[in-house]
Amino acid sequence: MCARRILRSGPGFAALKSGVVSRPPDPSQPSLLEDPMPDRVEPCLAKLATKPPEGENWAYEVKWDGYRIAIHIQPGKVRILTRGGHDCTNRFPTVAEATKVLRVYSAILDGEAVVLDEQGRSDFSALQNALGGRGGTRNAHLAVMFAFDILYLNGQDLRRMPLAERRDLLAPVIQGAAPGIMLSEEVDADGPAFLTLACELGLEGIIAKRRNTPYRSGRGGEWLKIKCIQSEGFFIIGYEPSSSALGGIGRLLLAAWKNNRLTYVGSVGTGFTDRSATALREQLDALLIDQPALNLTRKGTRWVTPSLVAEIEFRGLTTDQKLRHGSYKGLRDVADADGVLRLDEV
């Protein structure tokens, strides 16, 4: 069997599927049969879709509302990286501790760090609060990881394999690691019916993935996200001050990417608490600039450097790609602030 190709029917696949090795390799004697572990893998991202795809080649999962992370496991070393490549190992102690029970010597797990509410739903605001907000330094002991992919295992790069085969390898690897690391279950259901149920249960939405595709970094359409209520990241480019509004913020002015340039998508004036608005106002006032970052005129607006990314819930986009019924959820963490919506991919 070719060392660079893992066949589902071959002994190599069976050995990997067990997820168990008798001992780690001798680092002084590197094996020519091993693939080097990547220092970081640019994640595969889900493309926004308005309705679920249908057909036997699509697999469905719950969409978890948290921070995308990857766990890199090597002999004597564990790193937890955000989607932007920042090391956040110390901020997710429960997840890091769970890796100690995994009977592997090397692996890369892909998944979502979340905090669950009493109904078992992921709560983005609770995760932010646990971490101390944007730029916070607290550890989220309540945060767990829902793993949905495995990219590397015991010296083999699995990204060339179809998703269905990678999923077969993932389940036995993380067995026994709950509650720190749990499997994001594949749901055997019709896509539209599953979305309806997810919305009735108060979930954010669902993810659809092509079963027969390899792991490709970026947003290529192999993975789709279909949301009950849309929620995306947007740059804050300014705010309208108000003496009567919470924290003195009347409305936030927001921007997204389009053709690799910032474009205005509208404003949001709801969703704040007195505490969140006051904290946000302090951060915005430290970023004030004289002119807007894009060609926009709005009397009385205070313009800011577009570095803060707000998570915004909204009911869709108008025909000219402006937000409908937007509501502020919170700021994305510094290490997770690269997830700004790209309108040309919607």
C-alpha atoms as a PDB file:
ATOM      1  CA  MET A   1       0.000   0.000   0.000  1.00  0.00           C
ATOM      2  CA  CYS A   2       1.382   3.427  -0.905  1.00  0.00           C
ATOM      3  CA  ALA A   3       2.487   5.255   2.222  1.00  0.00           C
ATOM      4  CA  ARG A   4       0.884   8.472   0.942  1.00  0.00           C
ATOM      5  CA  ARG A   5      -2.533   6.950   0.347  1.00  0.00           C
ATOM      6  CA  ILE A   6      -4.769   5.445   3.032  1.00  0.00           C
ATOM      7  CA  LEU A   7      -7.321   3.025   1.647  1.00  0.00           C
ATOM      8  CA  ARG A   8     -10.515   2.340   3.551  1.00  0.00           C
ATOM      9  CA  SER A   9     -10.259  -1.387   2.843  1.00  0.00           C
ATOM     10  CA  GLY A  10      -6.585  -1.697   3.750  1.00  0.00           C
ATOM     11  CA  PRO A  11      -4.888  -2.562   7.045  1.00  0.00           C
ATOM     12  CA  GLY A  12      -3.636   1.009   7.413  1.00  0.00           C
ATOM     13  CA  PHE A  13      -7.182   2.313   7.711  1.00  0.00           C
ATOM     14  CA  ALA A  14      -8.070  -0.327  10.301  1.00  0.00           C
ATOM     15  CA  ALA A  15      -5.021   0.589  12.374  1.00  0.00           C
ATOM     16  CA  LEU A  16      -5.846   4.269  12.224  1.00  0.00           C
ATOM     17  CA  LYS A  17      -9.506   3.657  13.012  1.00  0.00           C
ATOM     18  CA  SER A  18      -8.553   2.023  16.295  1.00  0.00           C
ATOM     19  CA  GLY A  19      -6.898   5.312  17.217  1.00  0.00           C
ATOM     20  CA  VAL A  20      -4.537   3.337  19.455  1.00  0.00           C
ATOM     21  CA  VAL A  21      -0.761   3.049  19.273  1.00  0.00           C
ATOM     22  CA  SER A  22       1.472   0.932  21.468  1.00  0.00           C
ATOM     23  CA  ARG A  23       4.104   3.642  21.839  1.00  0.00           C
ATOM     24  CA  PRO A  24       5.051   6.962  20.255  1.00  0.00           C
ATOM     25  CA  PRO A  25       7.730   6.934  17.598  1.00  0.00           C
ATOM     26  CA  ASP A  26      11.339   7.580  18.554  1.00  0.00           C
ATOM     27  CA  PRO A  27      11.874  11.265  17.617  1.00  0.00           C
ATOM     28  CA  SER A  28      15.524  10.517  16.865  1.00  0.00           C
ATOM     29  CA  GLN A  29      14.432   7.969  14.242  1.00  0.00           C
ATOM     30  CA  PRO A  30      11.825   9.733  12.051  1.00  0.00           C
ATOM     31  CA  SER A  31       9.846   7.436   9.827  1.00  0.00           C
ATOM     32  CA  LEU A  32       9.872   8.061   6.091  1.00  0.00           C
ATOM     33  CA  LEU A  33       6.313   6.728   6.006  1.00  0.00           C
ATOM     34  CA  GLU A  34       4.976   9.573   8.149  1.00  0.00           C
ATOM     35  CA  ASP A  35       3.496  12.812   6.904  1.00  0.00           C
ATOM     36  CA  PRO A  36       4.886  15.827   8.750  1.00  0.00           C
ATOM     37  CA  MET A  37       2.301  17.383  11.038  1.00  0.00           C
ATOM     38  CA  PRO A  38       1.301  20.848   9.777  1.00  0.00           C
ATOM     39  CA  ASP A  39       2.004  23.619  12.270  1.00  0.00           C
ATOM     40  CA  ARG A  40      -1.415  25.050  11.433  1.00  0.00           C
ATOM     41  CA  VAL A  41      -4.240  24.192   9.040  1.00  0.00           C
ATOM     42  CA  GLU A  42      -6.328  26.962   7.540  1.00  0.00           C
ATOM     43  CA  PRO A  43      -9.858  25.794   8.411  1.00  0.00           C
ATOM     44  CA  CYS A  44     -12.542  24.684   6.011  1.00  0.00           C
ATOM     45  CA  LEU A  45     -15.332  27.245   6.388  1.00  0.00           C
ATOM     46  CA  ALA A  46     -19.049  26.826   5.806  1.00  0.00           C
ATOM     47  CA  LYS A  47     -20.642  28.963   3.120  1.00  0.00           C
ATOM     48  CA  LEU A  48     -23.923  30.652   4.003  1.00  0.00           C
ATOM     49  CA  ALA A  49     -26.961  29.132   2.265  1.00  0.00           C
ATOM     50  CA  THR A  50     -30.642  30.043   2.416  1.00  0.00           C
ATOM     51  CA  LYS A  51     -31.944  26.466   2.460  1.00  0.00           C
ATOM     52  CA  PRO A  52     -30.518  22.979   3.112  1.00  0.00           C
ATOM     53  CA  PRO A  53     -29.251  20.909   0.188  1.00  0.00           C
ATOM     54  CA  GLU A  54     -30.854  17.522  -0.347  1.00  0.00           C
ATOM     55  CA  GLY A  55     -29.476  14.156  -1.424  1.00  0.00           C
ATOM     56  CA  GLU A  56     -27.663  11.135  -0.036  1.00  0.00           C
ATOM     57  CA  ASN A  57     -24.247  12.757  -0.439  1.00  0.00           C
ATOM     58  CA  TRP A  58     -25.011  15.392   2.201  1.00  0.00           C
ATOM     59  CA  ALA A  59     -24.430  14.888   5.928  1.00  0.00           C
ATOM     60  CA  TYR A  60     -26.064  17.150   8.515  1.00  0.00           C
ATOM     61  CA  GLU A  61     -24.960  18.378  11.945  1.00  0.00           C
ATOM     62  CA  VAL A  62     -26.085  20.952  14.485  1.00  0.00           C
ATOM     63  CA  LYS A  63     -24.466  24.352  14.012  1.00  0.00           C
ATOM     64  CA  TRP A  64     -22.698  25.195  17.272  1.00  0.00           C
ATOM     65  CA  ASP A  65     -22.527  28.855  18.302  1.00  0.00           C
ATOM     66  CA  GLY A  66     -19.033  29.377  19.686  1.00  0.00           C
ATOM     67  CA  TYR A  67     -15.385  29.738  18.674  1.00  0.00           C
ATOM     68  CA  ARG A  68     -13.786  27.558  16.022  1.00  0.00           C
ATOM     69  CA  ILE A  69     -10.720  25.781  17.407  1.00  0.00           C
ATOM     70  CA  ALA A  70      -8.248  23.097  16.357  1.00  0.00           C
ATOM     71  CA  ILE A  71      -6.423  20.822  18.805  1.00  0.00           C
ATOM     72  CA  HIS A  72      -2.866  19.824  17.847  1.00  0.00           C
ATOM     73  CA  ILE A  73      -1.656  16.809  19.818  1.00  0.00           C
ATOM     74  CA  GLN A  74       1.968  15.677  19.786  1.00  0.00           C
ATOM     75  CA  PRO A  75       4.023  13.633  22.275  1.00  0.00           C
ATOM     76  CA  GLY A  76       4.186  15.705  25.443  1.00  0.00           C
ATOM     77  CA  LYS A  77       2.548  18.737  23.853  1.00  0.00           C
ATOM     78  CA  VAL A  78      -0.980  20.003  23.215  1.00  0.00           C
ATOM     79  CA  ARG A  79      -1.903  23.249  21.466  1.00  0.00           C
ATOM     80  CA  ILE A  80      -5.383  24.681  20.992  1.00  0.00           C
ATOM     81  CA  LEU A  81      -5.512  27.195  18.136  1.00  0.00           C
ATOM     82  CA  THR A  82      -8.229  29.613  17.049  1.00  0.00           C
ATOM     83  CA  ARG A  83      -9.276  29.806  13.403  1.00  0.00           C
ATOM     84  CA  GLY A  84      -6.829  32.679  12.999  1.00  0.00           C
ATOM     85  CA  GLY A  85      -3.919  30.613  14.370  1.00  0.00           C
ATOM     86  CA  HIS A  86      -3.705  32.158  17.844  1.00  0.00           C
ATOM     87  CA  ASP A  87      -2.688  29.828  20.676  1.00  0.00           C
ATOM     88  CA  CYS A  88      -5.521  29.720  23.228  1.00  0.00           C
ATOM     89  CA  THR A  89      -4.563  26.511  25.060  1.00  0.00           C
ATOM     90  CA  ASN A  90      -4.622  28.109  28.511  1.00  0.00           C
ATOM     91  CA  ARG A  91      -8.067  29.592  27.925  1.00  0.00           C
ATOM     92  CA  PHE A  92      -9.778  26.218  27.464  1.00  0.00           C
ATOM     93  CA  PRO A  93      -8.500  24.102  30.382  1.00  0.00           C
ATOM     94  CA  THR A  94     -11.335  21.561  30.289  1.00  0.00           C
ATOM     95  CA  VAL A  95     -10.703  20.843  26.617  1.00  0.00           C
ATOM     96  CA  ALA A  96      -6.944  20.606  27.138  1.00  0.00           C
ATOM     97  CA  GLU A  97      -7.396  18.238  30.087  1.00  0.00           C
ATOM     98  CA  ALA A  98      -9.645  15.961  28.013  1.00  0.00           C
ATOM     99  CA  THR A  99      -6.826  15.314  25.533  1.00  0.00           C
ATOM    100  CA  LYS A 100      -4.964  13.352  28.218  1.00  0.00           C
ATOM    101  CA  VAL A 101      -7.301  10.378  27.836  1.00  0.00           C
ATOM    102  CA  LEU A 102      -6.886  10.158  24.051  1.00  0.00           C
ATOM    103  CA  ARG A 103      -4.867   7.073  23.130  1.00  0.00           C
ATOM    104  CA  VAL A 104      -3.020   8.695  20.246  1.00  0.00           C
ATOM    105  CA  TYR A 105       0.474  10.099  19.915  1.00  0.00           C
ATOM    106  CA  SER A 106      -0.387  12.697  17.297  1.00  0.00           C
ATOM    107  CA  ALA A 107      -3.616  14.190  15.965  1.00  0.00           C
ATOM    108  CA  ILE A 108      -5.329  17.369  14.791  1.00  0.00           C
ATOM    109  CA  LEU A 109      -8.980  17.704  15.784  1.00  0.00           C
ATOM    110  CA  ASP A 110     -11.255  20.329  14.252  1.00  0.00           C
ATOM    111  CA  GLY A 111     -14.299  21.588  16.127  1.00  0.00           C
ATOM    112  CA  GLU A 112     -16.135  24.317  18.019  1.00  0.00           C
ATOM    113  CA  ALA A 113     -15.586  25.510  21.585  1.00  0.00           C
ATOM    114  CA  VAL A 114     -18.930  26.247  23.229  1.00  0.00           C
ATOM    115  CA  VAL A 115     -20.632  26.852  26.556  1.00  0.00           C
ATOM    116  CA  LEU A 116     -23.946  25.014  26.870  1.00  0.00           C
ATOM    117  CA  ASP A 117     -27.059  26.348  28.552  1.00  0.00           C
ATOM    118  CA  GLU A 118     -29.411  24.300  30.731  1.00  0.00           C
ATOM    119  CA  GLN A 119     -31.200  22.965  27.638  1.00  0.00           C
ATOM    120  CA  GLY A 120     -27.939  21.795  26.044  1.00  0.00           C
ATOM    121  CA  ARG A 121     -27.837  24.607  23.483  1.00  0.00           C
ATOM    122  CA  SER A 122     -24.653  26.508  22.729  1.00  0.00           C
ATOM    123  CA  ASP A 123     -24.676  30.009  24.209  1.00  0.00           C
ATOM    124  CA  PHE A 124     -22.325  32.458  22.479  1.00  0.00           C
ATOM    125  CA  SER A 125     -22.813  35.188  25.092  1.00  0.00           C
ATOM    126  CA  ALA A 126     -22.049  32.776  27.930  1.00  0.00           C
ATOM    127  CA  LEU A 127     -18.821  31.752  26.190  1.00  0.00           C
ATOM    128  CA  GLN A 128     -17.801  35.388  25.780  1.00  0.00           C
ATOM    129  CA  ASN A 129     -18.553  36.132  29.416  1.00  0.00           C
ATOM    130  CA  ALA A 130     -16.583  33.078  30.528  1.00  0.00           C
ATOM    131  CA  LEU A 131     -13.559  34.306  28.586  1.00  0.00           C
ATOM    132  CA  GLY A 132     -13.857  37.839  29.925  1.00  0.00           C
ATOM    133  CA  GLY A 133     -15.101  39.487  26.742  1.00  0.00           C
ATOM    134  CA  ARG A 134     -13.041  40.757  23.832  1.00  0.00           C
ATOM    135  CA  GLY A 135      -9.396  40.801  24.862  1.00  0.00           C
ATOM    136  CA  GLY A 136     -10.264  39.076  28.132  1.00  0.00           C
ATOM    137  CA  THR A 137      -7.772  36.781  29.800  1.00  0.00           C
ATOM    138  CA  ARG A 138     -10.031  34.522  31.824  1.00  0.00           C
ATOM    139  CA  ASN A 139     -10.107  30.756  31.364  1.00  0.00           C
ATOM    140  CA  ALA A 140     -13.418  29.235  30.263  1.00  0.00           C
ATOM    141  CA  HIS A 141     -13.647  26.165  32.503  1.00  0.00           C
ATOM    142  CA  LEU A 142     -17.233  25.603  31.335  1.00  0.00           C
ATOM    143  CA  ALA A 143     -16.265  25.571  27.663  1.00  0.00           C
ATOM    144  CA  VAL A 144     -16.174  22.200  25.908  1.00  0.00           C
ATOM    145  CA  MET A 145     -15.348  21.192  22.357  1.00  0.00           C
ATOM    146  CA  PHE A 146     -17.672  19.551  19.872  1.00  0.00           C
ATOM    147  CA  ALA A 147     -15.304  17.822  17.453  1.00  0.00           C
ATOM    148  CA  PHE A 148     -16.566  17.388  13.901  1.00  0.00           C
ATOM    149  CA  ASP A 149     -13.428  16.474  11.944  1.00  0.00           C
ATOM    150  CA  ILE A 150      -9.979  14.932  12.259  1.00  0.00           C
ATOM    151  CA  LEU A 151      -7.232  16.143   9.936  1.00  0.00           C
ATOM    152  CA  TYR A 152      -4.178  14.215  11.124  1.00  0.00           C
ATOM    153  CA  LEU A 153      -3.733  10.988  13.072  1.00  0.00           C
ATOM    154  CA  ASN A 154      -0.676   9.082  14.228  1.00  0.00           C
ATOM    155  CA  GLY A 155       1.657  10.350  11.538  1.00  0.00           C
ATOM    156  CA  GLN A 156      -0.852  10.410   8.672  1.00  0.00           C
ATOM    157  CA  ASP A 157      -2.331  13.488   7.042  1.00  0.00           C
ATOM    158  CA  LEU A 158      -6.022  12.666   6.557  1.00  0.00           C
ATOM    159  CA  ARG A 159      -7.082  15.735   4.590  1.00  0.00           C
ATOM    160  CA  ARG A 160      -7.008  13.836   1.284  1.00  0.00           C
ATOM    161  CA  MET A 161      -9.594  11.369   2.548  1.00  0.00           C
ATOM    162  CA  PRO A 162     -13.336  11.866   2.019  1.00  0.00           C
ATOM    163  CA  LEU A 163     -15.265  13.332   4.928  1.00  0.00           C
ATOM    164  CA  ALA A 164     -17.140  10.074   5.554  1.00  0.00           C
ATOM    165  CA  GLU A 165     -13.859   8.213   6.127  1.00  0.00           C
ATOM    166  CA  ARG A 166     -12.440  10.934   8.353  1.00  0.00           C
ATOM    167  CA  ARG A 167     -15.608  10.788  10.462  1.00  0.00           C
ATOM    168  CA  ASP A 168     -15.157   7.010  10.830  1.00  0.00           C
ATOM    169  CA  LEU A 169     -11.731   7.711  12.331  1.00  0.00           C
ATOM    170  CA  LEU A 170     -12.845  10.564  14.569  1.00  0.00           C
ATOM    171  CA  ALA A 171     -15.392   8.782  16.772  1.00  0.00           C
ATOM    172  CA  PRO A 172     -13.066   6.123  18.258  1.00  0.00           C
ATOM    173  CA  VAL A 173     -10.273   8.675  18.777  1.00  0.00           C
ATOM    174  CA  ILE A 174     -12.331  10.900  21.095  1.00  0.00           C
ATOM    175  CA  GLN A 175     -14.153   8.066  22.856  1.00  0.00           C
ATOM    176  CA  GLY A 176     -14.015   8.631  26.609  1.00  0.00           C
ATOM    177  CA  ALA A 177     -12.992  12.295  26.374  1.00  0.00           C
ATOM    178  CA  ALA A 178     -16.428  13.690  27.292  1.00  0.00           C
ATOM    179  CA  PRO A 179     -17.416  16.142  28.594  1.00  0.00           C
ATOM    180  CA  GLY A 180     -14.296  18.091  27.599  1.00  0.00           C
ATOM    181  CA  ILE A 181     -14.363  16.818  24.010  1.00  0.00           C
ATOM    182  CA  MET A 182     -17.543  15.428  22.489  1.00  0.00           C
ATOM    183  CA  LEU A 183     -18.564  14.282  19.036  1.00  0.00           C
ATOM    184  CA  SER A 184     -20.685  16.596  16.935  1.00  0.00           C
ATOM    185  CA  GLU A 185     -23.129  13.920  15.862  1.00  0.00           C
ATOM    186  CA  GLU A 186     -24.158  13.424  12.281  1.00  0.00           C
ATOM    187  CA  VAL A 187     -27.955  13.478  12.093  1.00  0.00           C
ATOM    188  CA  ASP A 188     -29.655  10.982   9.800  1.00  0.00           C
ATOM    189  CA  ALA A 189     -32.491  13.168   8.578  1.00  0.00           C
ATOM    190  CA  ASP A 190     -33.933  15.052   5.657  1.00  0.00           C
ATOM    191  CA  GLY A 191     -32.219  18.447   5.465  1.00  0.00           C
ATOM    192  CA  PRO A 192     -35.299  20.728   5.423  1.00  0.00           C
ATOM    193  CA  ALA A 193     -36.997  18.714   8.176  1.00  0.00           C
ATOM    194  CA  PHE A 194     -33.851  18.843  10.320  1.00  0.00           C
ATOM    195  CA  LEU A 195     -33.634  22.613   9.895  1.00  0.00           C
ATOM    196  CA  THR A 196     -37.258  23.003  10.946  1.00  0.00           C
ATOM    197  CA  LEU A 197     -36.645  20.913  14.066  1.00  0.00           C
ATOM    198  CA  ALA A 198     -33.440  22.804  14.904  1.00  0.00           C
ATOM    199  CA  CYS A 199     -35.301  26.109  14.732  1.00  0.00           C
ATOM    200  CA  GLU A 200     -38.146  24.778  16.894  1.00  0.00           C
ATOM    201  CA  LEU A 201     -35.580  23.728  19.521  1.00  0.00           C
ATOM    202  CA  GLY A 202     -34.058  27.195  19.570  1.00  0.00           C
ATOM    203  CA  LEU A 203     -30.782  26.182  17.934  1.00  0.00           C
ATOM    204  CA  GLU A 204     -28.777  28.527  15.730  1.00  0.00           C
ATOM    205  CA  GLY A 205     -29.125  26.339  12.657  1.00  0.00           C
ATOM    206  CA  ILE A 206     -27.550  23.364  10.885  1.00  0.00           C
ATOM    207  CA  ILE A 207     -24.445  22.512   8.877  1.00  0.00           C
ATOM    208  CA  ALA A 208     -24.526  20.451   5.668  1.00  0.00           C
ATOM    209  CA  LYS A 209     -21.338  18.744   4.411  1.00  0.00           C
ATOM    210  CA  ARG A 210     -20.561  16.729   1.300  1.00  0.00           C
ATOM    211  CA  ARG A 211     -19.630  13.206   2.403  1.00  0.00           C
ATOM    212  CA  ASN A 212     -17.250  12.421  -0.462  1.00  0.00           C
ATOM    213  CA  THR A 213     -15.001  15.493  -0.413  1.00  0.00           C
ATOM    214  CA  PRO A 214     -11.495  15.908   1.025  1.00  0.00           C
ATOM    215  CA  TYR A 215     -10.735  18.645   3.542  1.00  0.00           C
ATOM    216  CA  ARG A 216     -10.185  21.917   1.708  1.00  0.00           C
ATOM    217  CA  SER A 217      -9.220  25.120   3.490  1.00  0.00           C
ATOM    218  CA  GLY A 218     -11.344  28.186   2.851  1.00  0.00           C
ATOM    219  CA  ARG A 219     -14.990  28.592   1.903  1.00  0.00           C
ATOM    220  CA  GLY A 220     -15.378  26.447  -1.217  1.00  0.00           C
ATOM    221  CA  GLY A 221     -18.961  25.259  -0.817  1.00  0.00           C
ATOM    222  CA  GLU A 222     -18.263  21.703   0.397  1.00  0.00           C
ATOM    223  CA  TRP A 223     -19.705  22.815   3.753  1.00  0.00           C
ATOM    224  CA  LEU A 224     -22.853  24.957   4.032  1.00  0.00           C
ATOM    225  CA  LYS A 225     -24.423  26.717   7.018  1.00  0.00           C
ATOM    226  CA  ILE A 226     -28.167  27.278   7.134  1.00  0.00           C
ATOM    227  CA  LYS A 227     -29.346  29.393  10.045  1.00  0.00           C
ATOM    228  CA  CYS A 228     -32.665  29.837  11.799  1.00  0.00           C
ATOM    229  CA  ILE A 229     -31.684  33.396  12.651  1.00  0.00           C
ATOM    230  CA  GLN A 230     -28.720  34.800  10.764  1.00  0.00           C
ATOM    231  CA  SER A 231     -25.712  35.713  12.910  1.00  0.00           C
ATOM    232  CA  GLU A 232     -22.445  36.988  11.459  1.00  0.00           C
ATOM    233  CA  GLY A 233     -19.478  39.179  12.274  1.00  0.00           C
ATOM    234  CA  PHE A 234     -19.301  42.789  11.031  1.00  0.00           C
ATOM    235  CA  PHE A 235     -16.734  45.557  11.432  1.00  0.00           C
ATOM    236  CA  ILE A 236     -17.869  48.516  13.513  1.00  0.00           C
ATOM    237  CA  ILE A 237     -16.953  51.632  11.514  1.00  0.00           C
ATOM    238  CA  GLY A 238     -18.665  54.201  13.730  1.00  0.00           C
ATOM    239  CA  TYR A 239     -21.520  54.949  16.101  1.00  0.00           C
ATOM    240  CA  GLU A 240     -24.240  57.537  16.565  1.00  0.00           C
ATOM    241  CA  PRO A 241     -24.023  59.024  20.077  1.00  0.00           C
ATOM    242  CA  SER A 242     -27.214  59.395  22.092  1.00  0.00           C
ATOM    243  CA  SER A 243     -27.774  60.921  25.520  1.00  0.00           C
ATOM    244  CA  SER A 244     -30.815  58.710  26.121  1.00  0.00           C
ATOM    245  CA  ALA A 245     -29.512  55.336  24.868  1.00  0.00           C
ATOM    246  CA  LEU A 246     -27.742  52.698  26.934  1.00  0.00           C
ATOM    247  CA  GLY A 247     -24.047  53.516  27.221  1.00  0.00           C
ATOM    248  CA  GLY A 248     -24.572  56.580  25.039  1.00  0.00           C
ATOM    249  CA  ILE A 249     -24.701  54.487  21.848  1.00  0.00           C
ATOM    250  CA  GLY A 250     -27.699  55.196  19.641  1.00  0.00           C
ATOM    251  CA  ARG A 251     -26.688  52.976  16.739  1.00  0.00           C
ATOM    252  CA  LEU A 252     -23.623  51.115  15.506  1.00  0.00           C
ATOM    253  CA  LEU A 253     -22.628  51.540  11.867  1.00  0.00           C
ATOM    254  CA  LEU A 254     -21.390  48.295  10.351  1.00  0.00           C
ATOM    255  CA  ALA A 255     -19.423  47.060   7.360  1.00  0.00           C
ATOM    256  CA  ALA A 256     -18.676  43.742   5.667  1.00  0.00           C
ATOM    257  CA  TRP A 257     -16.278  42.572   2.965  1.00  0.00           C
ATOM    258  CA  LYS A 258     -17.248  42.720  -0.698  1.00  0.00           C
ATOM    259  CA  ASN A 259     -14.693  42.100  -3.440  1.00  0.00           C
ATOM    260  CA  ASN A 260     -11.974  42.460  -0.772  1.00  0.00           C
ATOM    261  CA  ARG A 261     -13.143  45.956   0.176  1.00  0.00           C
ATOM    262  CA  LEU A 262     -15.250  47.205   3.066  1.00  0.00           C
ATOM    263  CA  THR A 263     -18.844  48.059   2.242  1.00  0.00           C
ATOM    264  CA  TYR A 264     -21.536  49.579   4.445  1.00  0.00           C
ATOM    265  CA  VAL A 265     -24.313  47.168   5.476  1.00  0.00           C
ATOM    266  CA  GLY A 266     -26.456  49.331   7.748  1.00  0.00           C
ATOM    267  CA  SER A 267     -26.780  50.075  11.436  1.00  0.00           C
ATOM    268  CA  VAL A 268     -27.917  48.345  14.623  1.00  0.00           C
ATOM    269  CA  GLY A 269     -29.445  49.965  17.703  1.00  0.00           C
ATOM    270  CA  THR A 270     -30.808  47.072  19.762  1.00  0.00           C
ATOM    271  CA  GLY A 271     -29.446  44.156  21.774  1.00  0.00           C
ATOM    272  CA  PHE A 272     -27.366  46.186  24.224  1.00  0.00           C
ATOM    273  CA  THR A 273     -27.366  46.028  27.989  1.00  0.00           C
ATOM    274  CA  ASP A 274     -26.209  48.976  30.046  1.00  0.00           C
ATOM    275  CA  ARG A 275     -23.044  47.091  30.930  1.00  0.00           C
ATOM    276  CA  SER A 276     -22.214  45.905  27.398  1.00  0.00           C
ATOM    277  CA  ALA A 277     -22.974  49.290  25.839  1.00  0.00           C
ATOM    278  CA  THR A 278     -20.872  51.186  28.385  1.00  0.00           C
ATOM    279  CA  ALA A 279     -17.906  48.859  27.876  1.00  0.00           C
ATOM    280  CA  LEU A 280     -18.288  49.069  24.094  1.00  0.00           C
ATOM    281  CA  ARG A 281     -18.449  52.891  24.169  1.00  0.00           C
ATOM    282  CA  GLU A 282     -15.140  53.009  26.052  1.00  0.00           C
ATOM    283  CA  GLN A 283     -13.463  50.786  23.462  1.00  0.00           C
ATOM    284  CA  LEU A 284     -14.905  52.734  20.531  1.00  0.00           C
ATOM    285  CA  ASP A 285     -13.837  56.097  21.948  1.00  0.00           C
ATOM    286  CA  ALA A 286     -10.254  54.820  22.067  1.00  0.00           C
ATOM    287  CA  LEU A 287     -10.439  54.201  18.292  1.00  0.00           C
ATOM    288  CA  LEU A 288     -11.884  57.517  17.102  1.00  0.00           C
ATOM    289  CA  ILE A 289     -10.729  58.847  13.713  1.00  0.00           C
ATOM    290  CA  ASP A 290     -11.609  62.033  11.802  1.00  0.00           C
ATOM    291  CA  GLN A 291     -12.843  60.430   8.568  1.00  0.00           C
ATOM    292  CA  PRO A 292     -14.765  57.194   7.951  1.00  0.00           C
ATOM    293  CA  ALA A 293     -12.882  54.130   6.726  1.00  0.00           C
ATOM    294  CA  LEU A 294     -15.100  54.038   3.636  1.00  0.00           C
ATOM    295  CA  ASN A 295     -16.924  56.589   1.501  1.00  0.00           C
ATOM    296  CA  LEU A 296     -19.876  57.398   3.726  1.00  0.00           C
ATOM    297  CA  THR A 297     -21.422  60.630   4.993  1.00  0.00           C
ATOM    298  CA  ARG A 298     -23.484  60.646   8.178  1.00  0.00           C
ATOM    299  CA  LYS A 299     -23.868  63.845  10.222  1.00  0.00           C
ATOM    300  CA  GLY A 300     -23.073  63.524  13.916  1.00  0.00           C
ATOM    301  CA  THR A 301     -21.488  60.083  13.595  1.00  0.00           C
ATOM    302  CA  ARG A 302     -18.289  59.306  15.467  1.00  0.00           C
ATOM    303  CA  TRP A 303     -16.049  57.285  13.175  1.00  0.00           C
ATOM    304  CA  VAL A 304     -13.681  54.607  14.443  1.00  0.00           C
ATOM    305  CA  THR A 305     -10.883  52.463  13.092  1.00  0.00           C
ATOM    306  CA  PRO A 306     -12.553  49.252  11.842  1.00  0.00           C
ATOM    307  CA  SER A 307     -10.836  46.817  14.188  1.00  0.00           C
ATOM    308  CA  LEU A 308     -13.687  45.736  16.487  1.00  0.00           C
ATOM    309  CA  VAL A 309     -15.898  42.963  15.104  1.00  0.00           C
ATOM    310  CA  ALA A 310     -19.467  42.777  16.375  1.00  0.00           C
ATOM    311  CA  GLU A 311     -21.538  39.601  16.277  1.00  0.00           C
ATOM    312  CA  ILE A 312     -24.924  40.640  14.900  1.00  0.00           C
ATOM    313  CA  GLU A 313     -28.177  38.691  14.698  1.00  0.00           C
ATOM    314  CA  PHE A 314     -30.349  39.657  11.733  1.00  0.00           C
ATOM    315  CA  ARG A 315     -33.324  38.429   9.748  1.00  0.00           C
ATOM    316  CA  GLY A 316     -31.672  38.520   6.363  1.00  0.00           C
ATOM    317  CA  LEU A 317     -30.367  41.006   3.822  1.00  0.00           C
ATOM    318  CA  THR A 318     -32.292  43.439   1.642  1.00  0.00           C
ATOM    319  CA  THR A 319     -31.884  43.421  -2.135  1.00  0.00           C
ATOM    320  CA  ASP A 320     -29.139  46.048  -1.787  1.00  0.00           C
ATOM    321  CA  GLN A 321     -27.416  43.890   0.884  1.00  0.00           C
ATOM    322  CA  LYS A 322     -28.321  45.849   3.992  1.00  0.00           C
ATOM    323  CA  LEU A 323     -29.149  44.184   7.321  1.00  0.00           C
ATOM    324  CA  ARG A 324     -32.793  43.507   8.162  1.00  0.00           C
ATOM    325  CA  HIS A 325     -33.777  43.752  11.857  1.00  0.00           C
ATOM    326  CA  GLY A 326     -30.254  43.518  13.232  1.00  0.00           C
ATOM    327  CA  SER A 327     -29.475  43.080  16.947  1.00  0.00           C
ATOM    328  CA  TYR A 328     -26.129  43.304  18.753  1.00  0.00           C
ATOM    329  CA  LYS A 329     -24.910  40.071  20.415  1.00  0.00           C
ATOM    330  CA  GLY A 330     -21.416  41.053  21.511  1.00  0.00           C
ATOM    331  CA  LEU A 331     -17.857  41.529  20.318  1.00  0.00           C
ATOM    332  CA  ARG A 332     -15.828  38.732  18.858  1.00  0.00           C
ATOM    333  CA  ASP A 333     -12.670  37.885  20.733  1.00  0.00           C
ATOM    334  CA  VAL A 334      -9.447  39.379  19.387  1.00  0.00           C
ATOM    335  CA  ALA A 335      -8.260  35.894  18.429  1.00  0.00           C
ATOM    336  CA  ASP A 336     -11.531  35.135  16.650  1.00  0.00           C
ATOM    337  CA  ALA A 337     -12.113  38.443  14.872  1.00  0.00           C
ATOM    338  CA  ASP A 338     -11.369  37.253  11.335  1.00  0.00           C
ATOM    339  CA  GLY A 339     -14.861  35.897  10.721  1.00  0.00           C
ATOM    340  CA  VAL A 340     -16.343  38.999   9.062  1.00  0.00           C
ATOM    341  CA  LEU A 341     -19.097  38.259   6.549  1.00  0.00           C
ATOM    342  CA  ARG A 342     -18.093  38.361   2.863  1.00  0.00           C
ATOM    343  CA  LEU A 343     -21.096  39.509   0.879  1.00  0.00           C
ATOM    344  CA  ASP A 344     -19.763  38.116  -2.383  1.00  0.00           C
ATOM    345  CA  GLU A 345     -19.962  34.624  -0.857  1.00  0.00           C
ATOM    346  CA  VAL A 346     -23.595  34.909   0.267  1.00  0.00           C
END
